[in-house]
Amino acid sequence: MRRFAKRFASVNPRLGKALGIFLLLVGFLALITPFTPGSWLMFIGLELLGVDLLIYEKIKERYNKHMAIEWNKVTWYSKLLAVIVFLATLCLGFYIGVQYGEYRDVLSQAEFYNPPQIRCGGFIRNAPTCPTGYHCILNRIPDTGGVCVKD
């Protein structure tokens, strides 16, 4: 990103400065307003304006000196970590499946299903009536109607 910003600013100096100032302002506004994760744009704006960060070279030297990690190299501990993650995922999936099965069994045996109630009455045109074997029990407010209850 650093090389791209430098190259962009050298090819288009006016556009680079304008974009640098814009990104600097947007990053600053993101820094002072709550809940906006965009303050990192200030650093890109500073790079476009040609301002080198003072500690960039020190961080780069320290990283190259102490943190020489070869990410593409397969080692015994990376293999061990892969096996551990695989087994943990397998055990977690098995555990979740067992818990779901027990939960599903409990739900299938439960008798708490309440069928929908049949509505009746009310002060409306063509008010619904109860089927045979049921009678209507009105609410406190007769306008709203009631429900059909088995005789």
C-alpha atoms as a PDB file:
ATOM      1  CA  MET A   1       0.000   0.000   0.000  1.00  0.00           C
ATOM      2  CA  ARG A   2       2.861   2.308   0.815  1.00  0.00           C
ATOM      3  CA  ARG A   3       4.477   1.802  -2.596  1.00  0.00           C
ATOM      4  CA  PHE A   4       1.135   2.314  -4.338  1.00  0.00           C
ATOM      5  CA  ALA A   5       0.512   5.583  -2.508  1.00  0.00           C
ATOM      6  CA  LYS A   6       4.002   6.868  -3.348  1.00  0.00           C
ATOM      7  CA  ARG A   7       3.664   5.879  -7.013  1.00  0.00           C
ATOM      8  CA  PHE A   8       0.177   7.396  -7.266  1.00  0.00           C
ATOM      9  CA  ALA A   9       1.333  10.688  -5.738  1.00  0.00           C
ATOM     10  CA  SER A  10       4.355  10.888  -8.065  1.00  0.00           C
ATOM     11  CA  VAL A  11       2.342  10.201 -11.238  1.00  0.00           C
ATOM     12  CA  ASN A  12      -0.560  12.546 -10.405  1.00  0.00           C
ATOM     13  CA  PRO A  13       0.791  15.157  -7.969  1.00  0.00           C
ATOM     14  CA  ARG A  14      -2.286  17.408  -7.863  1.00  0.00           C
ATOM     15  CA  LEU A  15      -4.734  14.548  -7.641  1.00  0.00           C
ATOM     16  CA  GLY A  16      -2.518  12.843  -5.054  1.00  0.00           C
ATOM     17  CA  LYS A  17      -2.476  15.929  -2.841  1.00  0.00           C
ATOM     18  CA  ALA A  18      -6.223  16.460  -3.192  1.00  0.00           C
ATOM     19  CA  LEU A  19      -6.943  12.830  -2.382  1.00  0.00           C
ATOM     20  CA  GLY A  20      -4.450  12.952   0.501  1.00  0.00           C
ATOM     21  CA  ILE A  21      -6.147  15.990   2.035  1.00  0.00           C
ATOM     22  CA  PHE A  22      -9.580  14.416   1.529  1.00  0.00           C
ATOM     23  CA  LEU A  23      -8.530  11.137   3.170  1.00  0.00           C
ATOM     24  CA  LEU A  24      -6.841  13.022   5.995  1.00  0.00           C
ATOM     25  CA  LEU A  25     -10.030  14.980   6.715  1.00  0.00           C
ATOM     26  CA  VAL A  26     -12.284  11.924   6.444  1.00  0.00           C
ATOM     27  CA  GLY A  27      -9.960   9.984   8.736  1.00  0.00           C
ATOM     28  CA  PHE A  28      -9.905  12.803  11.266  1.00  0.00           C
ATOM     29  CA  LEU A  29     -13.707  13.087  11.220  1.00  0.00           C
ATOM     30  CA  ALA A  30     -13.963   9.333  11.694  1.00  0.00           C
ATOM     31  CA  LEU A  31     -11.585   9.597  14.635  1.00  0.00           C
ATOM     32  CA  ILE A  32     -13.604  12.248  16.479  1.00  0.00           C
ATOM     33  CA  THR A  33     -17.073  10.830  15.776  1.00  0.00           C
ATOM     34  CA  PRO A  34     -18.263   7.797  17.714  1.00  0.00           C
ATOM     35  CA  PHE A  35     -18.865   4.397  16.151  1.00  0.00           C
ATOM     36  CA  THR A  36     -17.023   5.062  12.872  1.00  0.00           C
ATOM     37  CA  PRO A  37     -14.107   2.741  12.132  1.00  0.00           C
ATOM     38  CA  GLY A  38     -12.383   4.803   9.476  1.00  0.00           C
ATOM     39  CA  SER A  39      -9.635   6.691  11.242  1.00  0.00           C
ATOM     40  CA  TRP A  40      -6.993   4.585   9.467  1.00  0.00           C
ATOM     41  CA  LEU A  41      -7.694   6.701   6.370  1.00  0.00           C
ATOM     42  CA  MET A  42      -5.612   9.468   7.987  1.00  0.00           C
ATOM     43  CA  PHE A  43      -2.461   7.405   7.530  1.00  0.00           C
ATOM     44  CA  ILE A  44      -3.170   6.822   3.835  1.00  0.00           C
ATOM     45  CA  GLY A  45      -3.818  10.533   3.411  1.00  0.00           C
ATOM     46  CA  LEU A  46      -0.504  11.349   5.106  1.00  0.00           C
ATOM     47  CA  GLU A  47       1.307   8.923   2.793  1.00  0.00           C
ATOM     48  CA  LEU A  48      -0.264  10.551  -0.261  1.00  0.00           C
ATOM     49  CA  LEU A  49       0.833  13.952   1.011  1.00  0.00           C
ATOM     50  CA  GLY A  50       4.388  12.647   1.337  1.00  0.00           C
ATOM     51  CA  VAL A  51       4.594  12.597   5.105  1.00  0.00           C
ATOM     52  CA  ASP A  52       6.607   9.597   6.251  1.00  0.00           C
ATOM     53  CA  LEU A  53       5.676   8.204   9.588  1.00  0.00           C
ATOM     54  CA  LEU A  54       8.554   8.525  12.036  1.00  0.00           C
ATOM     55  CA  ILE A  55       8.415   5.017  13.389  1.00  0.00           C
ATOM     56  CA  TYR A  56       7.693   3.154  10.136  1.00  0.00           C
ATOM     57  CA  GLU A  57      11.323   2.283   9.439  1.00  0.00           C
ATOM     58  CA  LYS A  58      11.939   1.187  13.042  1.00  0.00           C
ATOM     59  CA  ILE A  59       8.876  -1.066  12.969  1.00  0.00           C
ATOM     60  CA  LYS A  60       9.932  -2.503   9.630  1.00  0.00           C
ATOM     61  CA  GLU A  61      13.473  -3.237  10.866  1.00  0.00           C
ATOM     62  CA  ARG A  62      12.243  -4.835  14.084  1.00  0.00           C
ATOM     63  CA  TYR A  63       9.720  -6.961  12.201  1.00  0.00           C
ATOM     64  CA  ASN A  64      12.318  -8.198   9.736  1.00  0.00           C
ATOM     65  CA  LYS A  65      14.805  -8.886  12.521  1.00  0.00           C
ATOM     66  CA  HIS A  66      12.633 -10.637  15.110  1.00  0.00           C
ATOM     67  CA  MET A  67       9.544 -11.810  13.275  1.00  0.00           C
ATOM     68  CA  ALA A  68      10.920 -13.765  10.359  1.00  0.00           C
ATOM     69  CA  ILE A  69       7.874 -16.045  10.028  1.00  0.00           C
ATOM     70  CA  GLU A  70       7.620 -18.299   7.014  1.00  0.00           C
ATOM     71  CA  TRP A  71       3.877 -18.592   6.501  1.00  0.00           C
ATOM     72  CA  ASN A  72       4.128 -21.104   3.634  1.00  0.00           C
ATOM     73  CA  LYS A  73       6.300 -23.604   5.515  1.00  0.00           C
ATOM     74  CA  VAL A  74       4.595 -26.678   7.005  1.00  0.00           C
ATOM     75  CA  THR A  75       6.009 -27.567  10.410  1.00  0.00           C
ATOM     76  CA  TRP A  76       5.173 -30.217  12.988  1.00  0.00           C
ATOM     77  CA  TYR A  77       3.305 -27.751  15.196  1.00  0.00           C
ATOM     78  CA  SER A  78       1.214 -26.475  12.299  1.00  0.00           C
ATOM     79  CA  LYS A  79       0.234 -30.091  11.566  1.00  0.00           C
ATOM     80  CA  LEU A  80      -0.562 -30.641  15.235  1.00  0.00           C
ATOM     81  CA  LEU A  81      -2.677 -27.496  15.342  1.00  0.00           C
ATOM     82  CA  ALA A  82      -4.575 -28.623  12.222  1.00  0.00           C
ATOM     83  CA  VAL A  83      -5.339 -32.004  13.807  1.00  0.00           C
ATOM     84  CA  ILE A  84      -6.466 -30.360  17.062  1.00  0.00           C
ATOM     85  CA  VAL A  85      -8.767 -27.920  15.228  1.00  0.00           C
ATOM     86  CA  PHE A  86     -10.184 -30.795  13.144  1.00  0.00           C
ATOM     87  CA  LEU A  87     -10.910 -32.952  16.197  1.00  0.00           C
ATOM     88  CA  ALA A  88     -12.359 -30.023  18.148  1.00  0.00           C
ATOM     89  CA  THR A  89     -14.687 -29.188  15.255  1.00  0.00           C
ATOM     90  CA  LEU A  90     -15.745 -32.817  14.983  1.00  0.00           C
ATOM     91  CA  CYS A  91     -16.454 -33.084  18.730  1.00  0.00           C
ATOM     92  CA  LEU A  92     -18.322 -29.778  18.766  1.00  0.00           C
ATOM     93  CA  GLY A  93     -20.509 -30.869  15.835  1.00  0.00           C
ATOM     94  CA  PHE A  94     -21.250 -34.200  17.554  1.00  0.00           C
ATOM     95  CA  TYR A  95     -22.129 -32.449  20.824  1.00  0.00           C
ATOM     96  CA  ILE A  96     -24.452 -29.965  19.092  1.00  0.00           C
ATOM     97  CA  GLY A  97     -26.121 -32.835  17.204  1.00  0.00           C
ATOM     98  CA  VAL A  98     -26.771 -34.801  20.401  1.00  0.00           C
ATOM     99  CA  GLN A  99     -28.176 -31.732  22.156  1.00  0.00           C
ATOM    100  CA  TYR A 100     -30.432 -30.973  19.193  1.00  0.00           C
ATOM    101  CA  GLY A 101     -31.668 -34.584  19.114  1.00  0.00           C
ATOM    102  CA  GLU A 102     -32.594 -34.487  22.801  1.00  0.00           C
ATOM    103  CA  TYR A 103     -34.311 -31.135  22.348  1.00  0.00           C
ATOM    104  CA  ARG A 104     -36.249 -32.426  19.339  1.00  0.00           C
ATOM    105  CA  ASP A 105     -37.376 -35.510  21.255  1.00  0.00           C
ATOM    106  CA  VAL A 106     -38.624 -33.396  24.151  1.00  0.00           C
ATOM    107  CA  LEU A 107     -40.549 -31.130  21.794  1.00  0.00           C
ATOM    108  CA  SER A 108     -42.171 -34.025  19.941  1.00  0.00           C
ATOM    109  CA  GLN A 109     -43.454 -35.521  23.218  1.00  0.00           C
ATOM    110  CA  ALA A 110     -44.798 -32.229  24.573  1.00  0.00           C
ATOM    111  CA  GLU A 111     -48.552 -31.682  24.632  1.00  0.00           C
ATOM    112  CA  PHE A 112     -48.570 -27.919  24.723  1.00  0.00           C
ATOM    113  CA  TYR A 113     -49.837 -27.337  21.190  1.00  0.00           C
ATOM    114  CA  ASN A 114     -52.850 -25.035  21.278  1.00  0.00           C
ATOM    115  CA  PRO A 115     -54.855 -25.220  18.042  1.00  0.00           C
ATOM    116  CA  PRO A 116     -56.080 -21.923  16.609  1.00  0.00           C
ATOM    117  CA  GLN A 117     -59.355 -20.758  18.105  1.00  0.00           C
ATOM    118  CA  ILE A 118     -62.456 -20.261  16.018  1.00  0.00           C
ATOM    119  CA  ARG A 119     -63.668 -16.652  16.160  1.00  0.00           C
ATOM    120  CA  CYS A 120     -67.370 -15.811  16.329  1.00  0.00           C
ATOM    121  CA  GLY A 121     -69.817 -12.971  16.898  1.00  0.00           C
ATOM    122  CA  GLY A 122     -69.144  -9.272  16.989  1.00  0.00           C
ATOM    123  CA  PHE A 123     -71.027  -6.311  15.572  1.00  0.00           C
ATOM    124  CA  ILE A 124     -70.037  -6.759  11.942  1.00  0.00           C
ATOM    125  CA  ARG A 125     -71.867  -7.674   8.779  1.00  0.00           C
ATOM    126  CA  ASN A 126     -72.034 -11.452   8.227  1.00  0.00           C
ATOM    127  CA  ALA A 127     -70.531 -12.199  11.640  1.00  0.00           C
ATOM    128  CA  PRO A 128     -69.018 -15.684  11.843  1.00  0.00           C
ATOM    129  CA  THR A 129     -71.000 -18.285  13.770  1.00  0.00           C
ATOM    130  CA  CYS A 130     -69.870 -21.345  15.664  1.00  0.00           C
ATOM    131  CA  PRO A 131     -70.146 -24.782  14.061  1.00  0.00           C
ATOM    132  CA  THR A 132     -72.498 -27.359  15.539  1.00  0.00           C
ATOM    133  CA  GLY A 133     -71.384 -28.660  18.908  1.00  0.00           C
ATOM    134  CA  TYR A 134     -69.822 -25.288  19.850  1.00  0.00           C
ATOM    135  CA  HIS A 135     -71.213 -22.127  21.438  1.00  0.00           C
ATOM    136  CA  CYS A 136     -69.876 -18.553  21.316  1.00  0.00           C
ATOM    137  CA  ILE A 137     -68.420 -16.876  24.392  1.00  0.00           C
ATOM    138  CA  LEU A 138     -68.171 -13.126  23.831  1.00  0.00           C
ATOM    139  CA  ASN A 139     -65.429 -10.904  25.230  1.00  0.00           C
ATOM    140  CA  ARG A 140     -66.046  -8.063  27.679  1.00  0.00           C
ATOM    141  CA  ILE A 141     -66.265  -5.792  24.645  1.00  0.00           C
ATOM    142  CA  PRO A 142     -68.983  -7.235  22.399  1.00  0.00           C
ATOM    143  CA  ASP A 143     -67.733  -5.388  19.310  1.00  0.00           C
ATOM    144  CA  THR A 144     -64.669  -7.587  19.159  1.00  0.00           C
ATOM    145  CA  GLY A 145     -66.566 -10.847  19.101  1.00  0.00           C
ATOM    146  CA  GLY A 146     -65.524 -13.967  20.944  1.00  0.00           C
ATOM    147  CA  VAL A 147     -64.357 -17.533  20.579  1.00  0.00           C
ATOM    148  CA  CYS A 148     -66.155 -20.780  19.982  1.00  0.00           C
ATOM    149  CA  VAL A 149     -66.019 -23.274  22.867  1.00  0.00           C
ATOM    150  CA  LYS A 150     -66.989 -26.931  22.666  1.00  0.00           C
ATOM    151  CA  ASP A 151     -70.319 -27.742  24.381  1.00  0.00           C
END
